[in-house]
């Protein structure tokens, strides 16, 4: 089935925190299943989807470094956390009979494939959902930067960022009741206003490659398919 999609080839950035569900730590299988079912439904509409998953539900290297630990080692631990999340997503895809493959920026041959653009394109064109893990494979880069990089390599039209809020706000709406929500905003305004949507490197990379960024709530019912049609509630970041 092919629907009238506004965005057909996308990278879906799934935060590690969103996979916790209502837990305070780790992976909630029910939430993983919900996310995966949402993706499979969207793929059936004719979308080509790559997933970049974070690791904040298990480990955050930046937080460890802030306490005086070695940044490189902390980031490596964070990258390994993303691999664990990616494997959990693949298991859920397997349970639904949906073809998916994990490709890592780290070399972990006993666990998953090493990322190469040639291999990724072959999987993408074969109709598989590609799950990108291990960030960029290098320290000092966030998974948001990894998402922008993989989106460029994937030939994506947009990066869809599923979060726990329904868009981009001028401040954290959970803390500031006067926070203003944006329906649309430019890359430059995101950078100038210092909005915590994605880090500056990720926003700049998306801007330079003319890749739109859409931020929406991962809890939105039928969210991904709705967003791909250009409908529902989200914030659009563009030129």
Foldseek 3Di string as FASTA:
>chain_A
DADQFPWAEEEEEEEQVQQCPPHQADGDLVSLLLLLVLVVVQVVNRHQYEYEYWQVRHAALVVVVVVPDDSFVSLQVRLVSQLVVLVSNVVSCVVVVAAEFEEELADDVVRGHHDDLVVVQVCSVVSYHYYYTSQNVGTPDHSLLSRLVVCLSSVGQAYEYADQAAEFWLDPCVVDVPIHGAQEDELVCCVVSVTVPDDNNNSVSCQVSFHKYKYGHSPPVSPPNQVRRVHDTIYIYGD
